[in-house]
């Protein structure tokens, strides 16, 4: 959980301070009936599993959810105990869409801003959902900075049912849109954390598209280096470990705040597929943020008050409270 500390330093220099924040990205397979069966109960069990981590004091500070298309995501959020919950692109923002983007963010840290965008290109069955990207701004209490956190879900490959060339073209266009969204909406004076289902497993053409223009470092690339300090024992030196999963996280530092992944692990997986809560494992990264000499954040910054939307328990809306 998020905490801070002060390191001793010589009197002539500002003391270095650090905090740690944990982020879980999790495709919960919240697909509607009859595409997937039994998922309402599974979503409730995921909420209960997050609540158990909370009782043990081990809950992630932030949870990024993908494929949260079903109304039972409300049950998941309620059971988990997270005080802040927002969701991404809605169905009405895309013509002909049957569902919204399925993106949700649960957070123990206050949320001060939410920005979303739907991808303008898609392929195959993925076009039935308003897939896209969302960015939330978090305000750790008592800290001199805020944190931008991005969540996304990109076009699938074979599961889309589209020809391979068409699915690749859609994914590449979405990568372009994602990079543009980050550059337009991220506050470069704040650290950035990124997570989501990027649908790049075994797909180098997808992963490496515009990789040099990517405004963040992929955690699995960083942690594959022998001196990364990620705390997971020996570095993973196998060829391109970042291509072994659909799910990725990333980070960028700025504004005088250094960001480093400290530990990586999976959650909610099991040796037996039928025991898993989703067809994805949860992917958890613990980051350390380090800074010195930053001014205290303005007390006049608006907070976001989260209220139940007019559609009842299904999600929340955001209103400014000054």
Foldseek 3Di string as FASTA:
>chain_A
DWDKDWDDDDPVFFTKMKIKAKEKEDALQLADPPVPPPSLVLLLVLLQVLLVCVVVVNHGQKYKYFNQFDLSPLNSLVSNPQPDKFAEAAQVVDPQAQGEQRIMMGHNFFWQDKDYDFQPFAAAPCRNYRFTKMWTWGDHPPDQAIEIEMEGAAYAAVVRVGPRVRRLVRLLSRVVVVLVCCVVPPDQLHKYKYKYQSNQAVNVSNVPRCVVSRQWAWQLVLQQDQPQQLQPPGHDVPPPPVNHGRMTMTIDDHNQKDKGWNYKDWAQDDPDVVSGSHNDTIIMTMMMIMGGDRDHHDPPRWTWDWDCDPVGSRGTDTDTDD
